[in-house]
């Protein structure tokens, strides 16, 4: 597969290294143009390329860069760590018509120390969680087939996420899917060598992992009620 995105320039990881060592406004503000050129701009290019590559994804995804890419600025209101900037770059591709993290989507982030690629549903509301559990209750064999797939296991291992200690209320404790019904999050992720972000292999690996996790994402979302287009969240401008 010819790469639609050639990789990030070496200046990207170097900027993130320097930011980690100088995580303050006095350092960042004079270098914002460097951030825009070597971090933000290639990230936008990468996300646009992914949007084209994943245009036929099983669940239509929101791939516009202004919606998919996380801001560099940290929300420090409720955090003991008052560092103002994130030292990694991240994007999430949510299903159209859903809030981020309330339905299953795709995700990746990277820093000089880590590259994480995966997806799932991170923070379902009570209604969404119940809907997914009802789907699992009815079609657990389908989910197990996905999770036991050779390629899926080779890339992601097992499904992860927070779990209850007991079967949730309303579901029998002896249900054959009791172990799956314990989950409150439904996630799968793979850690790769962050050095590949500077090569065409990065884009190829993103696509390969996202295509492998596609049936998992589609399964989770298939139990959720459909939303109308006018309920889609508005775009957030990237600063």
Foldseek 3Di string as FASTA:
>chain_A
DDFQAFFAAPLQQVVLVVCVVVLDDVVCVVCVVVCVVRPVVSVQSLLVSVCVVCCVFPAHWDRHCLAFWDAQADDCPPPPDPRGGDSKTKTWIHGQLDDPLQAKTWMWMDHQAWTKTWIWHAAHDPVLLVLLLVLCLVPVVLVVCLQPDPVNCVAFNGWDADFAPAQDPPDDRPRPCSVVNRHPTTITMGIDNRVCSRGSVVSVVNSVRCVSCRVVRCSSCVSDDDDDNVSGDDGHGHD
